[in-house]
Amino acid sequence: RRSAQGILFTPEALLPKLFGELKDRYALRAGGYTRVLRTEPKDKYSQA
């Protein structure tokens, strides 16, 4: 909890969600909690 509090900018608002809903959602999952999907560039000028 202290480590997570050091990472989040608004821990008072997000720690209950992180240690409640998200902990329960990923209880059976060994890893791979996030997914990165490539999309078209957001900015038409930089084309990043």
ModelCIF file with pLDDT and N, C-alpha, C, O atoms, coordinates in Angstrom:
data_MODEL
#
_entry.id   MODEL 
#
_entity.id                         1 
_entity.type                       polymer 
_entity.pdbx_number_of_molecules   1 
#
_entity_poly.entity_id                      1 
_entity_poly.type                           'polypeptide(L)' 
_entity_poly.nstd_linkage                   no 
_entity_poly.nstd_monomer                   no 
_entity_poly.pdbx_seq_one_letter_code       RRSAQGILFTPEALLPKLFGELKDRYALRAGGYTRVLRTEPKDKYSQA 
_entity_poly.pdbx_seq_one_letter_code_can   RRSAQGILFTPEALLPKLFGELKDRYALRAGGYTRVLRTEPKDKYSQA 
_entity_poly.pdbx_strand_id                 A 
#
loop_
_entity_poly_seq.entity_id 
_entity_poly_seq.num 
_entity_poly_seq.mon_id 
_entity_poly_seq.hetero 
1 1  ARG n 
1 2  ARG n 
1 3  SER n 
1 4  ALA n 
1 5  GLN n 
1 6  GLY n 
1 7  ILE n 
1 8  LEU n 
1 9  PHE n 
1 10 THR n 
1 11 PRO n 
1 12 GLU n 
1 13 ALA n 
1 14 LEU n 
1 15 LEU n 
1 16 PRO n 
1 17 LYS n 
1 18 LEU n 
1 19 PHE n 
1 20 GLY n 
1 21 GLU n 
1 22 LEU n 
1 23 LYS n 
1 24 ASP n 
1 25 ARG n 
1 26 TYR n 
1 27 ALA n 
1 28 LEU n 
1 29 ARG n 
1 30 ALA n 
1 31 GLY n 
1 32 GLY n 
1 33 TYR n 
1 34 THR n 
1 35 ARG n 
1 36 VAL n 
1 37 LEU n 
1 38 ARG n 
1 39 THR n 
1 40 GLU n 
1 41 PRO n 
1 42 LYS n 
1 43 ASP n 
1 44 LYS n 
1 45 TYR n 
1 46 SER n 
1 47 GLN n 
1 48 ALA n 
#
_struct_asym.id          A 
_struct_asym.entity_id   1 
#
loop_
_ma_qa_metric.id 
_ma_qa_metric.mode 
_ma_qa_metric.name 
_ma_qa_metric.software_group_id 
_ma_qa_metric.type 
1 global pLDDT . pLDDT 
2 local  pLDDT . pLDDT 
#
_ma_qa_metric_global.metric_id      1 
_ma_qa_metric_global.metric_value   92.42 
_ma_qa_metric_global.model_id       1 
_ma_qa_metric_global.ordinal_id     1 
#
loop_
_ma_qa_metric_local.label_asym_id 
_ma_qa_metric_local.label_comp_id 
_ma_qa_metric_local.label_seq_id 
_ma_qa_metric_local.metric_id 
_ma_qa_metric_local.metric_value 
_ma_qa_metric_local.model_id 
_ma_qa_metric_local.ordinal_id 
A ARG 1  2 96.00 1 1  
A ARG 2  2 96.00 1 2  
A SER 3  2 95.00 1 3  
A ALA 4  2 95.00 1 4  
A GLN 5  2 95.00 1 5  
A GLY 6  2 95.00 1 6  
A ILE 7  2 95.00 1 7  
A LEU 8  2 95.00 1 8  
A PHE 9  2 94.00 1 9  
A THR 10 2 94.00 1 10 
A PRO 11 2 93.00 1 11 
A GLU 12 2 95.00 1 12 
A ALA 13 2 95.00 1 13 
A LEU 14 2 96.00 1 14 
A LEU 15 2 96.00 1 15 
A PRO 16 2 96.00 1 16 
A LYS 17 2 96.00 1 17 
A LEU 18 2 96.00 1 18 
A PHE 19 2 96.00 1 19 
A GLY 20 2 96.00 1 20 
A GLU 21 2 95.00 1 21 
A LEU 22 2 95.00 1 22 
A LYS 23 2 95.00 1 23 
A ASP 24 2 94.00 1 24 
A ARG 25 2 93.00 1 25 
A TYR 26 2 94.00 1 26 
A ALA 27 2 93.00 1 27 
A LEU 28 2 91.00 1 28 
A ARG 29 2 91.00 1 29 
A ALA 30 2 92.00 1 30 
A GLY 31 2 92.00 1 31 
A GLY 32 2 94.00 1 32 
A TYR 33 2 96.00 1 33 
A THR 34 2 96.00 1 34 
A ARG 35 2 95.00 1 35 
A VAL 36 2 95.00 1 36 
A LEU 37 2 93.00 1 37 
A ARG 38 2 93.00 1 38 
A THR 39 2 91.00 1 39 
A GLU 40 2 91.00 1 40 
A PRO 41 2 89.00 1 41 
A LYS 42 2 77.00 1 42 
A ASP 43 2 75.00 1 43 
A LYS 44 2 79.00 1 44 
A TYR 45 2 85.00 1 45 
A SER 46 2 83.00 1 46 
A GLN 47 2 86.00 1 47 
A ALA 48 2 88.00 1 48 
#
loop_
_atom_site.group_PDB 
_atom_site.id 
_atom_site.type_symbol 
_atom_site.label_atom_id 
_atom_site.label_alt_id 
_atom_site.label_comp_id 
_atom_site.label_asym_id 
_atom_site.label_entity_id 
_atom_site.label_seq_id 
_atom_site.pdbx_PDB_ins_code 
_atom_site.Cartn_x 
_atom_site.Cartn_y 
_atom_site.Cartn_z 
_atom_site.occupancy 
_atom_site.B_iso_or_equiv 
_atom_site.pdbx_formal_charge 
_atom_site.auth_seq_id 
_atom_site.auth_comp_id 
_atom_site.auth_asym_id 
_atom_site.auth_atom_id 
_atom_site.pdbx_PDB_model_num 
ATOM 1   N N  . ARG A 1 1  ? 0.832   -1.210  0.000   1.00 96.00 ? 1  ARG A N  1 
ATOM 2   C CA . ARG A 1 1  ? 0.000   0.000   0.000   1.00 96.00 ? 1  ARG A CA 1 
ATOM 3   C C  . ARG A 1 1  ? 0.862   1.254   0.000   1.00 96.00 ? 1  ARG A C  1 
ATOM 4   O O  . ARG A 1 1  ? 0.552   2.215   -0.703  1.00 96.00 ? 1  ARG A O  1 
ATOM 5   N N  . ARG A 1 2  ? 1.926   1.257   0.770   1.00 96.00 ? 2  ARG A N  1 
ATOM 6   C CA . ARG A 1 2  ? 2.805   2.435   0.806   1.00 96.00 ? 2  ARG A CA 1 
ATOM 7   C C  . ARG A 1 2  ? 3.535   2.629   -0.511  1.00 96.00 ? 2  ARG A C  1 
ATOM 8   O O  . ARG A 1 2  ? 3.714   3.761   -0.962  1.00 96.00 ? 2  ARG A O  1 
ATOM 9   N N  . SER A 1 3  ? 3.957   1.542   -1.128  1.00 95.00 ? 3  SER A N  1 
ATOM 10  C CA . SER A 1 3  ? 4.610   1.645   -2.440  1.00 95.00 ? 3  SER A CA 1 
ATOM 11  C C  . SER A 1 3  ? 3.646   2.169   -3.492  1.00 95.00 ? 3  SER A C  1 
ATOM 12  O O  . SER A 1 3  ? 4.009   3.020   -4.304  1.00 95.00 ? 3  SER A O  1 
ATOM 13  N N  . ALA A 1 4  ? 2.423   1.665   -3.479  1.00 95.00 ? 4  ALA A N  1 
ATOM 14  C CA . ALA A 1 4  ? 1.416   2.128   -4.429  1.00 95.00 ? 4  ALA A CA 1 
ATOM 15  C C  . ALA A 1 4  ? 1.066   3.591   -4.177  1.00 95.00 ? 4  ALA A C  1 
ATOM 16  O O  . ALA A 1 4  ? 0.824   4.348   -5.118  1.00 95.00 ? 4  ALA A O  1 
ATOM 17  N N  . GLN A 1 5  ? 1.040   3.980   -2.922  1.00 95.00 ? 5  GLN A N  1 
ATOM 18  C CA . GLN A 1 5  ? 0.749   5.373   -2.567  1.00 95.00 ? 5  GLN A CA 1 
ATOM 19  C C  . GLN A 1 5  ? 1.832   6.304   -3.101  1.00 95.00 ? 5  GLN A C  1 
ATOM 20  O O  . GLN A 1 5  ? 1.552   7.453   -3.443  1.00 95.00 ? 5  GLN A O  1 
ATOM 21  N N  . GLY A 1 6  ? 3.061   5.816   -3.173  1.00 95.00 ? 6  GLY A N  1 
ATOM 22  C CA . GLY A 1 6  ? 4.162   6.604   -3.707  1.00 95.00 ? 6  GLY A CA 1 
ATOM 23  C C  . GLY A 1 6  ? 4.133   6.744   -5.220  1.00 95.00 ? 6  GLY A C  1 
ATOM 24  O O  . GLY A 1 6  ? 4.751   7.657   -5.767  1.00 95.00 ? 6  GLY A O  1 
ATOM 25  N N  . ILE A 1 7  ? 3.428   5.857   -5.899  1.00 95.00 ? 7  ILE A N  1 
ATOM 26  C CA . ILE A 1 7  ? 3.356   5.903   -7.359  1.00 95.00 ? 7  ILE A CA 1 
ATOM 27  C C  . ILE A 1 7  ? 2.198   6.784   -7.823  1.00 95.00 ? 7  ILE A C  1 
ATOM 28  O O  . ILE A 1 7  ? 2.369   7.593   -8.735  1.00 95.00 ? 7  ILE A O  1 
ATOM 29  N N  . LEU A 1 8  ? 1.033   6.639   -7.214  1.00 95.00 ? 8  LEU A N  1 
ATOM 30  C CA . LEU A 1 8  ? -0.157  7.362   -7.665  1.00 95.00 ? 8  LEU A CA 1 
ATOM 31  C C  . LEU A 1 8  ? -0.117  8.823   -7.230  1.00 95.00 ? 8  LEU A C  1 
ATOM 32  O O  . LEU A 1 8  ? 0.325   9.142   -6.126  1.00 95.00 ? 8  LEU A O  1 
ATOM 33  N N  . PHE A 1 9  ? -0.587  9.714   -8.118  1.00 94.00 ? 9  PHE A N  1 
ATOM 34  C CA . PHE A 1 9  ? -0.649  11.139  -7.777  1.00 94.00 ? 9  PHE A CA 1 
ATOM 35  C C  . PHE A 1 9  ? -1.827  11.451  -6.858  1.00 94.00 ? 9  PHE A C  1 
ATOM 36  O O  . PHE A 1 9  ? -1.733  12.365  -6.039  1.00 94.00 ? 9  PHE A O  1 
ATOM 37  N N  . THR A 1 10 ? -2.926  10.719  -6.971  1.00 94.00 ? 10 THR A N  1 
ATOM 38  C CA . THR A 1 10 ? -4.093  10.925  -6.113  1.00 94.00 ? 10 THR A CA 1 
ATOM 39  C C  . THR A 1 10 ? -4.419  9.617   -5.393  1.00 94.00 ? 10 THR A C  1 
ATOM 40  O O  . THR A 1 10 ? -5.417  8.970   -5.708  1.00 94.00 ? 10 THR A O  1 
ATOM 41  N N  . PRO A 1 11 ? -3.587  9.226   -4.432  1.00 93.00 ? 11 PRO A N  1 
ATOM 42  C CA . PRO A 1 11 ? -3.790  7.921   -3.800  1.00 93.00 ? 11 PRO A CA 1 
ATOM 43  C C  . PRO A 1 11 ? -5.086  7.832   -2.994  1.00 93.00 ? 11 PRO A C  1 
ATOM 44  O O  . PRO A 1 11 ? -5.697  6.765   -2.929  1.00 93.00 ? 11 PRO A O  1 
ATOM 45  N N  . GLU A 1 12 ? -5.513  8.940   -2.380  1.00 95.00 ? 12 GLU A N  1 
ATOM 46  C CA . GLU A 1 12 ? -6.730  8.883   -1.567  1.00 95.00 ? 12 GLU A CA 1 
ATOM 47  C C  . GLU A 1 12 ? -7.955  8.523   -2.410  1.00 95.00 ? 12 GLU A C  1 
ATOM 48  O O  . GLU A 1 12 ? -8.895  7.908   -1.906  1.00 95.00 ? 12 GLU A O  1 
ATOM 49  N N  . ALA A 1 13 ? -7.950  8.900   -3.680  1.00 95.00 ? 13 ALA A N  1 
ATOM 50  C CA . ALA A 1 13 ? -9.088  8.594   -4.554  1.00 95.00 ? 13 ALA A CA 1 
ATOM 51  C C  . ALA A 1 13 ? -8.956  7.235   -5.225  1.00 95.00 ? 13 ALA A C  1 
ATOM 52  O O  . ALA A 1 13 ? -9.964  6.583   -5.496  1.00 95.00 ? 13 ALA A O  1 
ATOM 53  N N  . LEU A 1 14 ? -7.721  6.793   -5.500  1.00 96.00 ? 14 LEU A N  1 
ATOM 54  C CA . LEU A 1 14 ? -7.535  5.605   -6.329  1.00 96.00 ? 14 LEU A CA 1 
ATOM 55  C C  . LEU A 1 14 ? -7.114  4.349   -5.585  1.00 96.00 ? 14 LEU A C  1 
ATOM 56  O O  . LEU A 1 14 ? -7.259  3.249   -6.118  1.00 96.00 ? 14 LEU A O  1 
ATOM 57  N N  . LEU A 1 15 ? -6.595  4.480   -4.364  1.00 96.00 ? 15 LEU A N  1 
ATOM 58  C CA . LEU A 1 15 ? -6.199  3.274   -3.628  1.00 96.00 ? 15 LEU A CA 1 
ATOM 59  C C  . LEU A 1 15 ? -7.383  2.341   -3.350  1.00 96.00 ? 15 LEU A C  1 
ATOM 60  O O  . LEU A 1 15 ? -7.217  1.127   -3.459  1.00 96.00 ? 15 LEU A O  1 
ATOM 61  N N  . PRO A 1 16 ? -8.580  2.856   -2.993  1.00 96.00 ? 16 PRO A N  1 
ATOM 62  C CA . PRO A 1 16 ? -9.702  1.928   -2.809  1.00 96.00 ? 16 PRO A CA 1 
ATOM 63  C C  . PRO A 1 16 ? -10.049 1.158   -4.083  1.00 96.00 ? 16 PRO A C  1 
ATOM 64  O O  . PRO A 1 16 ? -10.393 -0.023  -4.016  1.00 96.00 ? 16 PRO A O  1 
ATOM 65  N N  . LYS A 1 17 ? -9.961  1.806   -5.226  1.00 96.00 ? 17 LYS A N  1 
ATOM 66  C CA . LYS A 1 17 ? -10.239 1.113   -6.491  1.00 96.00 ? 17 LYS A CA 1 
ATOM 67  C C  . LYS A 1 17 ? -9.148  0.093   -6.790  1.00 96.00 ? 17 LYS A C  1 
ATOM 68  O O  . LYS A 1 17 ? -9.437  -1.032  -7.198  1.00 96.00 ? 17 LYS A O  1 
ATOM 69  N N  . LEU A 1 18 ? -7.898  0.488   -6.586  1.00 96.00 ? 18 LEU A N  1 
ATOM 70  C CA . LEU A 1 18 ? -6.773  -0.395  -6.883  1.00 96.00 ? 18 LEU A CA 1 
ATOM 71  C C  . LEU A 1 18 ? -6.774  -1.620  -5.984  1.00 96.00 ? 18 LEU A C  1 
ATOM 72  O O  . LEU A 1 18 ? -6.612  -2.741  -6.464  1.00 96.00 ? 18 LEU A O  1 
ATOM 73  N N  . PHE A 1 19 ? -6.957  -1.417  -4.679  1.00 96.00 ? 19 PHE A N  1 
ATOM 74  C CA . PHE A 1 19 ? -6.900  -2.526  -3.733  1.00 96.00 ? 19 PHE A CA 1 
ATOM 75  C C  . PHE A 1 19 ? -8.257  -3.198  -3.529  1.00 96.00 ? 19 PHE A C  1 
ATOM 76  O O  . PHE A 1 19 ? -8.370  -4.128  -2.732  1.00 96.00 ? 19 PHE A O  1 
ATOM 77  N N  . GLY A 1 20 ? -9.274  -2.743  -4.232  1.00 96.00 ? 20 GLY A N  1 
ATOM 78  C CA . GLY A 1 20 ? -10.592 -3.355  -4.155  1.00 96.00 ? 20 GLY A CA 1 
ATOM 79  C C  . GLY A 1 20 ? -10.970 -4.000  -5.468  1.00 96.00 ? 20 GLY A C  1 
ATOM 80  O O  . GLY A 1 20 ? -10.774 -5.198  -5.673  1.00 96.00 ? 20 GLY A O  1 
ATOM 81  N N  . GLU A 1 21 ? -11.520 -3.178  -6.364  1.00 95.00 ? 21 GLU A N  1 
ATOM 82  C CA . GLU A 1 21 ? -12.052 -3.663  -7.640  1.00 95.00 ? 21 GLU A CA 1 
ATOM 83  C C  . GLU A 1 21 ? -10.981 -4.316  -8.518  1.00 95.00 ? 21 GLU A C  1 
ATOM 84  O O  . GLU A 1 21 ? -11.185 -5.418  -9.028  1.00 95.00 ? 21 GLU A O  1 
ATOM 85  N N  . LEU A 1 22 ? -9.843  -3.641  -8.693  1.00 95.00 ? 22 LEU A N  1 
ATOM 86  C CA . LEU A 1 22 ? -8.813  -4.184  -9.593  1.00 95.00 ? 22 LEU A CA 1 
ATOM 87  C C  . LEU A 1 22 ? -8.130  -5.408  -9.005  1.00 95.00 ? 22 LEU A C  1 
ATOM 88  O O  . LEU A 1 22 ? -7.799  -6.342  -9.735  1.00 95.00 ? 22 LEU A O  1 
ATOM 89  N N  . LYS A 1 23 ? -7.917  -5.414  -7.700  1.00 95.00 ? 23 LYS A N  1 
ATOM 90  C CA . LYS A 1 23 ? -7.319  -6.596  -7.058  1.00 95.00 ? 23 LYS A CA 1 
ATOM 91  C C  . LYS A 1 23 ? -8.214  -7.811  -7.241  1.00 95.00 ? 23 LYS A C  1 
ATOM 92  O O  . LYS A 1 23 ? -7.726  -8.906  -7.518  1.00 95.00 ? 23 LYS A O  1 
ATOM 93  N N  . ASP A 1 24 ? -9.523  -7.627  -7.087  1.00 94.00 ? 24 ASP A N  1 
ATOM 94  C CA . ASP A 1 24 ? -10.462 -8.739  -7.253  1.00 94.00 ? 24 ASP A CA 1 
ATOM 95  C C  . ASP A 1 24 ? -10.556 -9.178  -8.716  1.00 94.00 ? 24 ASP A C  1 
ATOM 96  O O  . ASP A 1 24 ? -10.663 -10.369 -9.005  1.00 94.00 ? 24 ASP A O  1 
ATOM 97  N N  . ARG A 1 25 ? -10.517 -8.207  -9.637  1.00 93.00 ? 25 ARG A N  1 
ATOM 98  C CA . ARG A 1 25 ? -10.627 -8.519  -11.062 1.00 93.00 ? 25 ARG A CA 1 
ATOM 99  C C  . ARG A 1 25 ? -9.464  -9.385  -11.538 1.00 93.00 ? 25 ARG A C  1 
ATOM 100 O O  . ARG A 1 25 ? -9.646  -10.280 -12.363 1.00 93.00 ? 25 ARG A O  1 
ATOM 101 N N  . TYR A 1 26 ? -8.259  -9.114  -11.012 1.00 94.00 ? 26 TYR A N  1 
ATOM 102 C CA . TYR A 1 26 ? -7.065  -9.818  -11.491 1.00 94.00 ? 26 TYR A CA 1 
ATOM 103 C C  . TYR A 1 26 ? -6.558  -10.868 -10.505 1.00 94.00 ? 26 TYR A C  1 
ATOM 104 O O  . TYR A 1 26 ? -5.402  -11.281 -10.592 1.00 94.00 ? 26 TYR A O  1 
ATOM 105 N N  . ALA A 1 27 ? -7.396  -11.304 -9.579  1.00 93.00 ? 27 ALA A N  1 
ATOM 106 C CA . ALA A 1 27 ? -6.975  -12.274 -8.568  1.00 93.00 ? 27 ALA A CA 1 
ATOM 107 C C  . ALA A 1 27 ? -6.502  -13.593 -9.194  1.00 93.00 ? 27 ALA A C  1 
ATOM 108 O O  . ALA A 1 27 ? -5.535  -14.186 -8.715  1.00 93.00 ? 27 ALA A O  1 
ATOM 109 N N  . LEU A 1 28 ? -7.154  -14.049 -10.234 1.00 91.00 ? 28 LEU A N  1 
ATOM 110 C CA . LEU A 1 28 ? -6.808  -15.330 -10.856 1.00 91.00 ? 28 LEU A CA 1 
ATOM 111 C C  . LEU A 1 28 ? -5.794  -15.200 -11.982 1.00 91.00 ? 28 LEU A C  1 
ATOM 112 O O  . LEU A 1 28 ? -5.282  -16.207 -12.470 1.00 91.00 ? 28 LEU A O  1 
ATOM 113 N N  . ARG A 1 29 ? -5.501  -13.986 -12.396 1.00 91.00 ? 29 ARG A N  1 
ATOM 114 C CA . ARG A 1 29 ? -4.604  -13.746 -13.534 1.00 91.00 ? 29 ARG A CA 1 
ATOM 115 C C  . ARG A 1 29 ? -3.177  -13.622 -13.029 1.00 91.00 ? 29 ARG A C  1 
ATOM 116 O O  . ARG A 1 29 ? -2.914  -12.879 -12.084 1.00 91.00 ? 29 ARG A O  1 
ATOM 117 N N  . ALA A 1 30 ? -2.257  -14.344 -13.650 1.00 92.00 ? 30 ALA A N  1 
ATOM 118 C CA . ALA A 1 30 ? -0.863  -14.343 -13.200 1.00 92.00 ? 30 ALA A CA 1 
ATOM 119 C C  . ALA A 1 30 ? -0.078  -13.131 -13.694 1.00 92.00 ? 30 ALA A C  1 
ATOM 120 O O  . ALA A 1 30 ? 0.986   -12.836 -13.150 1.00 92.00 ? 30 ALA A O  1 
ATOM 121 N N  . GLY A 1 31 ? -0.554  -12.446 -14.675 1.00 92.00 ? 31 GLY A N  1 
ATOM 122 C CA . GLY A 1 31 ? 0.128   -11.288 -15.242 1.00 92.00 ? 31 GLY A CA 1 
ATOM 123 C C  . GLY A 1 31 ? -0.612  -10.853 -16.487 1.00 92.00 ? 31 GLY A C  1 
ATOM 124 O O  . GLY A 1 31 ? -1.637  -11.438 -16.835 1.00 92.00 ? 31 GLY A O  1 
ATOM 125 N N  . GLY A 1 32 ? -0.112  -9.845  -17.158 1.00 94.00 ? 32 GLY A N  1 
ATOM 126 C CA . GLY A 1 32 ? -0.764  -9.380  -18.373 1.00 94.00 ? 32 GLY A CA 1 
ATOM 127 C C  . GLY A 1 32 ? -2.046  -8.637  -18.077 1.00 94.00 ? 32 GLY A C  1 
ATOM 128 O O  . GLY A 1 32 ? -3.087  -8.939  -18.659 1.00 94.00 ? 32 GLY A O  1 
ATOM 129 N N  . TYR A 1 33 ? -1.984  -7.663  -17.175 1.00 96.00 ? 33 TYR A N  1 
ATOM 130 C CA . TYR A 1 33 ? -3.175  -6.931  -16.770 1.00 96.00 ? 33 TYR A CA 1 
ATOM 131 C C  . TYR A 1 33 ? -3.503  -5.791  -17.721 1.00 96.00 ? 33 TYR A C  1 
ATOM 132 O O  . TYR A 1 33 ? -4.600  -5.235  -17.671 1.00 96.00 ? 33 TYR A O  1 
ATOM 133 N N  . THR A 1 34 ? -2.555  -5.438  -18.590 1.00 96.00 ? 34 THR A N  1 
ATOM 134 C CA . THR A 1 34 ? -2.759  -4.316  -19.493 1.00 96.00 ? 34 THR A CA 1 
ATOM 135 C C  . THR A 1 34 ? -2.525  -4.763  -20.933 1.00 96.00 ? 34 THR A C  1 
ATOM 136 O O  . THR A 1 34 ? -1.927  -5.808  -21.190 1.00 96.00 ? 34 THR A O  1 
ATOM 137 N N  . ARG A 1 35 ? -3.012  -3.947  -21.859 1.00 95.00 ? 35 ARG A N  1 
ATOM 138 C CA . ARG A 1 35 ? -2.849  -4.223  -23.285 1.00 95.00 ? 35 ARG A CA 1 
ATOM 139 C C  . ARG A 1 35 ? -2.530  -2.910  -23.982 1.00 95.00 ? 35 ARG A C  1 
ATOM 140 O O  . ARG A 1 35 ? -3.123  -1.878  -23.668 1.00 95.00 ? 35 ARG A O  1 
ATOM 141 N N  . VAL A 1 36 ? -1.598  -2.944  -24.925 1.00 95.00 ? 36 VAL A N  1 
ATOM 142 C CA . VAL A 1 36 ? -1.260  -1.776  -25.738 1.00 95.00 ? 36 VAL A CA 1 
ATOM 143 C C  . VAL A 1 36 ? -1.712  -2.056  -27.165 1.00 95.00 ? 36 VAL A C  1 
ATOM 144 O O  . VAL A 1 36 ? -1.282  -3.032  -27.781 1.00 95.00 ? 36 VAL A O  1 
ATOM 145 N N  . LEU A 1 37 ? -2.578  -1.199  -27.685 1.00 93.00 ? 37 LEU A N  1 
ATOM 146 C CA . LEU A 1 37 ? -3.089  -1.332  -29.048 1.00 93.00 ? 37 LEU A CA 1 
ATOM 147 C C  . LEU A 1 37 ? -2.588  -0.153  -29.871 1.00 93.00 ? 37 LEU A C  1 
ATOM 148 O O  . LEU A 1 37 ? -2.829  1.000   -29.515 1.00 93.00 ? 37 LEU A O  1 
ATOM 149 N N  . ARG A 1 38 ? -1.897  -0.434  -30.963 1.00 93.00 ? 38 ARG A N  1 
ATOM 150 C CA . ARG A 1 38 ? -1.414  0.651   -31.826 1.00 93.00 ? 38 ARG A CA 1 
ATOM 151 C C  . ARG A 1 38 ? -2.598  1.294   -32.547 1.00 93.00 ? 38 ARG A C  1 
ATOM 152 O O  . ARG A 1 38 ? -3.547  0.618   -32.943 1.00 93.00 ? 38 ARG A O  1 
ATOM 153 N N  . THR A 1 39 ? -2.520  2.610   -32.707 1.00 91.00 ? 39 THR A N  1 
ATOM 154 C CA . THR A 1 39 ? -3.562  3.356   -33.406 1.00 91.00 ? 39 THR A CA 1 
ATOM 155 C C  . THR A 1 39 ? -2.928  4.306   -34.408 1.00 91.00 ? 39 THR A C  1 
ATOM 156 O O  . THR A 1 39 ? -1.704  4.395   -34.509 1.00 91.00 ? 39 THR A O  1 
ATOM 157 N N  . GLU A 1 40 ? -3.765  5.008   -35.139 1.00 91.00 ? 40 GLU A N  1 
ATOM 158 C CA . GLU A 1 40 ? -3.281  6.045   -36.040 1.00 91.00 ? 40 GLU A CA 1 
ATOM 159 C C  . GLU A 1 40 ? -2.667  7.171   -35.199 1.00 91.00 ? 40 GLU A C  1 
ATOM 160 O O  . GLU A 1 40 ? -3.057  7.359   -34.047 1.00 91.00 ? 40 GLU A O  1 
ATOM 161 N N  . PRO A 1 41 ? -1.720  7.912   -35.757 1.00 89.00 ? 41 PRO A N  1 
ATOM 162 C CA . PRO A 1 41 ? -1.116  9.011   -34.986 1.00 89.00 ? 41 PRO A CA 1 
ATOM 163 C C  . PRO A 1 41 ? -2.159  10.015  -34.509 1.00 89.00 ? 41 PRO A C  1 
ATOM 164 O O  . PRO A 1 41 ? -3.065  10.391  -35.252 1.00 89.00 ? 41 PRO A O  1 
ATOM 165 N N  . LYS A 1 42 ? -2.013  10.447  -33.244 1.00 77.00 ? 42 LYS A N  1 
ATOM 166 C CA . LYS A 1 42 ? -2.931  11.427  -32.671 1.00 77.00 ? 42 LYS A CA 1 
ATOM 167 C C  . LYS A 1 42 ? -2.754  12.789  -33.320 1.00 77.00 ? 42 LYS A C  1 
ATOM 168 O O  . LYS A 1 42 ? -3.727  13.484  -33.613 1.00 77.00 ? 42 LYS A O  1 
ATOM 169 N N  . ASP A 1 43 ? -1.500  13.160  -33.542 1.00 75.00 ? 43 ASP A N  1 
ATOM 170 C CA . ASP A 1 43 ? -1.166  14.496  -34.012 1.00 75.00 ? 43 ASP A CA 1 
ATOM 171 C C  . ASP A 1 43 ? -0.750  14.418  -35.473 1.00 75.00 ? 43 ASP A C  1 
ATOM 172 O O  . ASP A 1 43 ? 0.186   13.696  -35.816 1.00 75.00 ? 43 ASP A O  1 
ATOM 173 N N  . LYS A 1 44 ? -1.438  15.152  -36.328 1.00 79.00 ? 44 LYS A N  1 
ATOM 174 C CA . LYS A 1 44 ? -1.126  15.066  -37.757 1.00 79.00 ? 44 LYS A CA 1 
ATOM 175 C C  . LYS A 1 44 ? 0.188   15.749  -38.097 1.00 79.00 ? 44 LYS A C  1 
ATOM 176 O O  . LYS A 1 44 ? 0.713   15.553  -39.193 1.00 79.00 ? 44 LYS A O  1 
ATOM 177 N N  . TYR A 1 45 ? 0.733   16.550  -37.182 1.00 85.00 ? 45 TYR A N  1 
ATOM 178 C CA . TYR A 1 45 ? 1.967   17.261  -37.461 1.00 85.00 ? 45 TYR A CA 1 
ATOM 179 C C  . TYR A 1 45 ? 3.200   16.445  -37.081 1.00 85.00 ? 45 TYR A C  1 
ATOM 180 O O  . TYR A 1 45 ? 4.159   16.387  -37.852 1.00 85.00 ? 45 TYR A O  1 
ATOM 181 N N  . SER A 1 46 ? 3.191   15.820  -35.920 1.00 83.00 ? 46 SER A N  1 
ATOM 182 C CA . SER A 1 46 ? 4.382   15.081  -35.497 1.00 83.00 ? 46 SER A CA 1 
ATOM 183 C C  . SER A 1 46 ? 4.404   13.654  -36.046 1.00 83.00 ? 46 SER A C  1 
ATOM 184 O O  . SER A 1 46 ? 5.477   13.084  -36.244 1.00 83.00 ? 46 SER A O  1 
ATOM 185 N N  . GLN A 1 47 ? 3.232   13.077  -36.293 1.00 86.00 ? 47 GLN A N  1 
ATOM 186 C CA . GLN A 1 47 ? 3.113   11.712  -36.802 1.00 86.00 ? 47 GLN A CA 1 
ATOM 187 C C  . GLN A 1 47 ? 3.767   10.689  -35.872 1.00 86.00 ? 47 GLN A C  1 
ATOM 188 O O  . GLN A 1 47 ? 4.248   9.653   -36.332 1.00 86.00 ? 47 GLN A O  1 
ATOM 189 N N  . ALA A 1 48 ? 3.786   10.972  -34.576 1.00 88.00 ? 48 ALA A N  1 
ATOM 190 C CA . ALA A 1 48 ? 4.336   10.028  -33.610 1.00 88.00 ? 48 ALA A CA 1 
ATOM 191 C C  . ALA A 1 48 ? 3.430   8.798   -33.542 1.00 88.00 ? 48 ALA A C  1 
ATOM 192 O O  . ALA A 1 48 ? 3.707   7.869   -32.784 1.00 88.00 ? 48 ALA A O  1 
#
